[in-house]
Amino acid sequence: MSTDKRNGVVVIALVLSLTAGVGVLFLLEPGPHAWKGGTSLVVEQGAAPQQVRDIEVYYASSVDEAAQLAASAGDDSVCIVYQDRIPECQRGGPQVWLIVIGDAQEKLPVQQQQWLLGALHRLTQASGVDQVRIRLAPPLDTAASADMSPGQLDLRRLLERKQLILS
């Protein structure tokens, strides 16, 4: 076997092994994958404001309560994270009202947590995470966790674990 042919075989073997290795690592990665259906966020379709300065996180125990909160947002952007479907965002000003709908007596479902973190990522991506202030709206902002429902407490702890808010 000539040197050129042997080098060509080695390069092809390296490319194939790297491709297979990346594929295996991609399958081991937790969370939604781009190739799975139904995981794209509405935020990705250009509904997010270009420059986000503030994100205020609200907790609503029903769709009706979320609609009331969204109506009171005025000219601000609104992003609603549902339990059973992808988030919906409406373009507005640089202030974003991120409304998480949950059952007050239960923790947030894993899929909803992934959608929430994905929406936060997309909202902060254009401005840079360090430049966007994420804060909790009442009653999530209180230090007295005894007054919070299990759903509210789970939301607060998720954002603290991901270091998006200070504990």
C-alpha atoms as a PDB file:
ATOM      1  CA  MET A   1       0.000   0.000   0.000  1.00  0.00           C
ATOM      2  CA  SER A   2       1.421   3.357  -0.986  1.00  0.00           C
ATOM      3  CA  THR A   3       1.885   6.144   1.532  1.00  0.00           C
ATOM      4  CA  ASP A   4      -0.759   8.353  -0.110  1.00  0.00           C
ATOM      5  CA  LYS A   5      -3.349   5.588  -0.088  1.00  0.00           C
ATOM      6  CA  ARG A   6      -2.597   4.716   3.555  1.00  0.00           C
ATOM      7  CA  ASN A   7      -2.859   8.414   4.577  1.00  0.00           C
ATOM      8  CA  GLY A   8      -6.177   8.684   2.733  1.00  0.00           C
ATOM      9  CA  VAL A   9      -7.562   5.625   4.549  1.00  0.00           C
ATOM     10  CA  VAL A  10      -6.417   7.043   7.909  1.00  0.00           C
ATOM     11  CA  VAL A  11      -8.087  10.402   7.226  1.00  0.00           C
ATOM     12  CA  ILE A  12     -11.345   8.717   6.172  1.00  0.00           C
ATOM     13  CA  ALA A  13     -11.265   6.507   9.288  1.00  0.00           C
ATOM     14  CA  LEU A  14     -10.689   9.566  11.505  1.00  0.00           C
ATOM     15  CA  VAL A  15     -13.555  11.488   9.923  1.00  0.00           C
ATOM     16  CA  LEU A  16     -15.940   8.552  10.281  1.00  0.00           C
ATOM     17  CA  SER A  17     -14.956   7.885  13.904  1.00  0.00           C
ATOM     18  CA  LEU A  18     -15.322  11.573  14.835  1.00  0.00           C
ATOM     19  CA  THR A  19     -18.727  11.716  13.143  1.00  0.00           C
ATOM     20  CA  ALA A  20     -19.889   8.588  14.991  1.00  0.00           C
ATOM     21  CA  GLY A  21     -18.507   9.945  18.285  1.00  0.00           C
ATOM     22  CA  VAL A  22     -20.332  13.257  17.893  1.00  0.00           C
ATOM     23  CA  GLY A  23     -23.532  11.382  17.072  1.00  0.00           C
ATOM     24  CA  VAL A  24     -23.258   9.261  20.209  1.00  0.00           C
ATOM     25  CA  LEU A  25     -22.517  12.298  22.385  1.00  0.00           C
ATOM     26  CA  PHE A  26     -25.475  14.140  20.865  1.00  0.00           C
ATOM     27  CA  LEU A  27     -27.782  11.240  21.733  1.00  0.00           C
ATOM     28  CA  LEU A  28     -26.472  11.200  25.314  1.00  0.00           C
ATOM     29  CA  GLU A  29     -27.098  14.943  25.765  1.00  0.00           C
ATOM     30  CA  PRO A  30     -30.168  15.549  27.962  1.00  0.00           C
ATOM     31  CA  GLY A  31     -32.938  17.863  26.903  1.00  0.00           C
ATOM     32  CA  PRO A  32     -34.732  18.574  23.656  1.00  0.00           C
ATOM     33  CA  HIS A  33     -32.919  17.957  20.394  1.00  0.00           C
ATOM     34  CA  ALA A  34     -33.325  19.916  17.187  1.00  0.00           C
ATOM     35  CA  TRP A  35     -34.289  16.810  15.236  1.00  0.00           C
ATOM     36  CA  LYS A  36     -37.191  15.886  17.514  1.00  0.00           C
ATOM     37  CA  GLY A  37     -40.537  17.308  16.472  1.00  0.00           C
ATOM     38  CA  GLY A  38     -42.417  19.865  18.544  1.00  0.00           C
ATOM     39  CA  THR A  39     -39.464  21.267  20.472  1.00  0.00           C
ATOM     40  CA  SER A  40     -38.920  24.528  18.626  1.00  0.00           C
ATOM     41  CA  LEU A  41     -40.025  27.608  20.507  1.00  0.00           C
ATOM     42  CA  VAL A  42     -42.237  30.292  19.108  1.00  0.00           C
ATOM     43  CA  VAL A  43     -39.497  32.630  20.314  1.00  0.00           C
ATOM     44  CA  GLU A  44     -37.232  31.262  17.580  1.00  0.00           C
ATOM     45  CA  GLN A  45     -39.615  32.518  14.918  1.00  0.00           C
ATOM     46  CA  GLY A  46     -38.727  36.157  15.508  1.00  0.00           C
ATOM     47  CA  ALA A  47     -41.344  36.937  18.134  1.00  0.00           C
ATOM     48  CA  ALA A  48     -38.768  37.979  20.715  1.00  0.00           C
ATOM     49  CA  PRO A  49     -37.649  41.588  20.997  1.00  0.00           C
ATOM     50  CA  GLN A  50     -34.196  42.293  19.584  1.00  0.00           C
ATOM     51  CA  GLN A  51     -32.836  43.932  22.739  1.00  0.00           C
ATOM     52  CA  VAL A  52     -34.182  42.762  26.080  1.00  0.00           C
ATOM     53  CA  ARG A  53     -33.222  44.747  29.165  1.00  0.00           C
ATOM     54  CA  ASP A  54     -35.435  43.254  31.873  1.00  0.00           C
ATOM     55  CA  ILE A  55     -37.313  40.002  32.307  1.00  0.00           C
ATOM     56  CA  GLU A  56     -39.833  39.816  35.104  1.00  0.00           C
ATOM     57  CA  VAL A  57     -41.041  36.302  35.923  1.00  0.00           C
ATOM     58  CA  TYR A  58     -44.668  35.864  36.983  1.00  0.00           C
ATOM     59  CA  TYR A  59     -46.498  32.748  38.118  1.00  0.00           C
ATOM     60  CA  ALA A  60     -50.104  32.174  37.097  1.00  0.00           C
ATOM     61  CA  SER A  61     -52.208  29.281  38.340  1.00  0.00           C
ATOM     62  CA  SER A  62     -54.495  29.271  35.281  1.00  0.00           C
ATOM     63  CA  VAL A  63     -54.653  30.358  31.648  1.00  0.00           C
ATOM     64  CA  ASP A  64     -57.238  33.000  32.583  1.00  0.00           C
ATOM     65  CA  GLU A  65     -54.931  34.482  35.213  1.00  0.00           C
ATOM     66  CA  ALA A  66     -52.101  34.518  32.660  1.00  0.00           C
ATOM     67  CA  ALA A  67     -54.356  36.334  30.174  1.00  0.00           C
ATOM     68  CA  GLN A  68     -55.158  38.977  32.789  1.00  0.00           C
ATOM     69  CA  LEU A  69     -51.465  39.463  33.532  1.00  0.00           C
ATOM     70  CA  ALA A  70     -50.657  39.685  29.815  1.00  0.00           C
ATOM     71  CA  ALA A  71     -53.391  42.290  29.326  1.00  0.00           C
ATOM     72  CA  SER A  72     -51.892  44.451  32.060  1.00  0.00           C
ATOM     73  CA  ALA A  73     -48.421  44.352  30.441  1.00  0.00           C
ATOM     74  CA  GLY A  74     -49.250  47.324  28.200  1.00  0.00           C
ATOM     75  CA  ASP A  75     -46.561  47.923  25.570  1.00  0.00           C
ATOM     76  CA  ASP A  76     -44.113  45.456  27.130  1.00  0.00           C
ATOM     77  CA  SER A  77     -43.277  42.109  25.557  1.00  0.00           C
ATOM     78  CA  VAL A  78     -45.089  39.073  26.906  1.00  0.00           C
ATOM     79  CA  CYS A  79     -43.967  35.447  26.847  1.00  0.00           C
ATOM     80  CA  ILE A  80     -46.276  32.776  28.266  1.00  0.00           C
ATOM     81  CA  VAL A  81     -44.840  29.370  29.199  1.00  0.00           C
ATOM     82  CA  TYR A  82     -47.613  26.775  29.209  1.00  0.00           C
ATOM     83  CA  GLN A  83     -47.572  23.350  30.842  1.00  0.00           C
ATOM     84  CA  ASP A  84     -48.663  21.444  27.754  1.00  0.00           C
ATOM     85  CA  ARG A  85     -47.354  23.337  24.739  1.00  0.00           C
ATOM     86  CA  ILE A  86     -44.513  25.522  23.535  1.00  0.00           C
ATOM     87  CA  PRO A  87     -44.231  29.096  24.817  1.00  0.00           C
ATOM     88  CA  GLU A  88     -45.927  31.947  22.993  1.00  0.00           C
ATOM     89  CA  CYS A  89     -44.251  35.335  22.861  1.00  0.00           C
ATOM     90  CA  GLN A  90     -45.518  38.676  21.631  1.00  0.00           C
ATOM     91  CA  ARG A  91     -43.134  41.413  20.589  1.00  0.00           C
ATOM     92  CA  GLY A  92     -43.185  44.651  22.508  1.00  0.00           C
ATOM     93  CA  GLY A  93     -40.760  46.803  24.409  1.00  0.00           C
ATOM     94  CA  PRO A  94     -37.458  45.793  26.019  1.00  0.00           C
ATOM     95  CA  GLN A  95     -39.258  44.816  29.240  1.00  0.00           C
ATOM     96  CA  VAL A  96     -40.514  41.186  29.082  1.00  0.00           C
ATOM     97  CA  TRP A  97     -43.238  39.711  31.235  1.00  0.00           C
ATOM     98  CA  LEU A  98     -42.450  35.993  31.390  1.00  0.00           C
ATOM     99  CA  ILE A  99     -45.592  34.297  32.680  1.00  0.00           C
ATOM    100  CA  VAL A 100     -45.299  30.673  33.796  1.00  0.00           C
ATOM    101  CA  ILE A 101     -48.609  28.813  34.060  1.00  0.00           C
ATOM    102  CA  GLY A 102     -48.604  26.015  36.582  1.00  0.00           C
ATOM    103  CA  ASP A 103     -50.682  24.065  39.021  1.00  0.00           C
ATOM    104  CA  ALA A 104     -50.057  25.761  42.354  1.00  0.00           C
ATOM    105  CA  GLN A 105     -50.149  22.446  44.222  1.00  0.00           C
ATOM    106  CA  GLU A 106     -47.697  20.598  41.949  1.00  0.00           C
ATOM    107  CA  LYS A 107     -44.136  21.102  40.779  1.00  0.00           C
ATOM    108  CA  LEU A 108     -43.412  22.240  37.231  1.00  0.00           C
ATOM    109  CA  PRO A 109     -43.305  19.388  34.687  1.00  0.00           C
ATOM    110  CA  VAL A 110     -39.849  18.646  33.260  1.00  0.00           C
ATOM    111  CA  GLN A 111     -40.958  19.586  29.721  1.00  0.00           C
ATOM    112  CA  GLN A 112     -42.222  22.951  30.956  1.00  0.00           C
ATOM    113  CA  GLN A 113     -38.929  23.570  32.778  1.00  0.00           C
ATOM    114  CA  GLN A 114     -37.065  22.917  29.519  1.00  0.00           C
ATOM    115  CA  TRP A 115     -39.383  25.252  27.601  1.00  0.00           C
ATOM    116  CA  LEU A 116     -38.922  27.931  30.276  1.00  0.00           C
ATOM    117  CA  LEU A 117     -35.129  27.709  30.192  1.00  0.00           C
ATOM    118  CA  GLY A 118     -35.179  27.677  26.381  1.00  0.00           C
ATOM    119  CA  ALA A 119     -37.361  30.783  26.285  1.00  0.00           C
ATOM    120  CA  LEU A 120     -35.066  32.561  28.749  1.00  0.00           C
ATOM    121  CA  HIS A 121     -32.068  31.601  26.631  1.00  0.00           C
ATOM    122  CA  ARG A 122     -33.647  32.936  23.443  1.00  0.00           C
ATOM    123  CA  LEU A 123     -34.779  36.145  25.134  1.00  0.00           C
ATOM    124  CA  THR A 124     -31.343  36.874  26.575  1.00  0.00           C
ATOM    125  CA  GLN A 125     -29.325  35.683  23.581  1.00  0.00           C
ATOM    126  CA  ALA A 126     -29.579  38.898  21.537  1.00  0.00           C
ATOM    127  CA  SER A 127     -28.651  41.132  24.473  1.00  0.00           C
ATOM    128  CA  GLY A 128     -26.280  38.826  26.313  1.00  0.00           C
ATOM    129  CA  VAL A 129     -27.184  37.067  29.549  1.00  0.00           C
ATOM    130  CA  ASP A 130     -25.012  39.363  31.667  1.00  0.00           C
ATOM    131  CA  GLN A 131     -26.785  42.481  30.407  1.00  0.00           C
ATOM    132  CA  VAL A 132     -30.352  41.257  31.029  1.00  0.00           C
ATOM    133  CA  ARG A 133     -31.781  41.584  34.506  1.00  0.00           C
ATOM    134  CA  ILE A 134     -34.055  38.706  35.482  1.00  0.00           C
ATOM    135  CA  ARG A 135     -36.219  39.318  38.504  1.00  0.00           C
ATOM    136  CA  LEU A 136     -39.179  37.714  40.178  1.00  0.00           C
ATOM    137  CA  ALA A 137     -42.553  39.387  40.495  1.00  0.00           C
ATOM    138  CA  PRO A 138     -44.519  39.214  43.746  1.00  0.00           C
ATOM    139  CA  PRO A 139     -45.081  36.814  45.493  1.00  0.00           C
ATOM    140  CA  LEU A 140     -42.101  34.930  44.006  1.00  0.00           C
ATOM    141  CA  ASP A 141     -39.695  37.657  45.105  1.00  0.00           C
ATOM    142  CA  THR A 142     -40.325  37.257  48.822  1.00  0.00           C
ATOM    143  CA  ALA A 143     -37.793  35.522  51.009  1.00  0.00           C
ATOM    144  CA  ALA A 144     -40.572  33.822  52.964  1.00  0.00           C
ATOM    145  CA  SER A 145     -40.841  30.547  51.061  1.00  0.00           C
ATOM    146  CA  ALA A 146     -43.400  29.212  53.551  1.00  0.00           C
ATOM    147  CA  ASP A 147     -46.066  31.448  51.966  1.00  0.00           C
ATOM    148  CA  MET A 148     -45.444  30.091  48.458  1.00  0.00           C
ATOM    149  CA  SER A 149     -47.284  27.212  46.838  1.00  0.00           C
ATOM    150  CA  PRO A 150     -45.266  24.145  45.751  1.00  0.00           C
ATOM    151  CA  GLY A 151     -45.449  25.289  42.108  1.00  0.00           C
ATOM    152  CA  GLN A 152     -44.165  28.780  42.918  1.00  0.00           C
ATOM    153  CA  LEU A 153     -41.422  27.396  45.137  1.00  0.00           C
ATOM    154  CA  ASP A 154     -40.331  24.965  42.408  1.00  0.00           C
ATOM    155  CA  LEU A 155     -40.137  27.800  39.868  1.00  0.00           C
ATOM    156  CA  ARG A 156     -38.050  29.941  42.217  1.00  0.00           C
ATOM    157  CA  ARG A 157     -35.701  27.057  43.041  1.00  0.00           C
ATOM    158  CA  LEU A 158     -35.250  26.203  39.355  1.00  0.00           C
ATOM    159  CA  LEU A 159     -34.154  29.764  38.543  1.00  0.00           C
ATOM    160  CA  GLU A 160     -31.845  29.793  41.581  1.00  0.00           C
ATOM    161  CA  ARG A 161     -30.279  26.429  40.620  1.00  0.00           C
ATOM    162  CA  LYS A 162     -29.595  27.712  37.117  1.00  0.00           C
ATOM    163  CA  GLN A 163     -28.107  30.886  38.684  1.00  0.00           C
ATOM    164  CA  LEU A 164     -30.486  33.125  36.755  1.00  0.00           C
ATOM    165  CA  ILE A 165     -31.528  34.857  39.973  1.00  0.00           C
ATOM    166  CA  LEU A 166     -29.782  35.305  43.293  1.00  0.00           C
ATOM    167  CA  SER A 167     -30.857  33.040  46.108  1.00  0.00           C
END
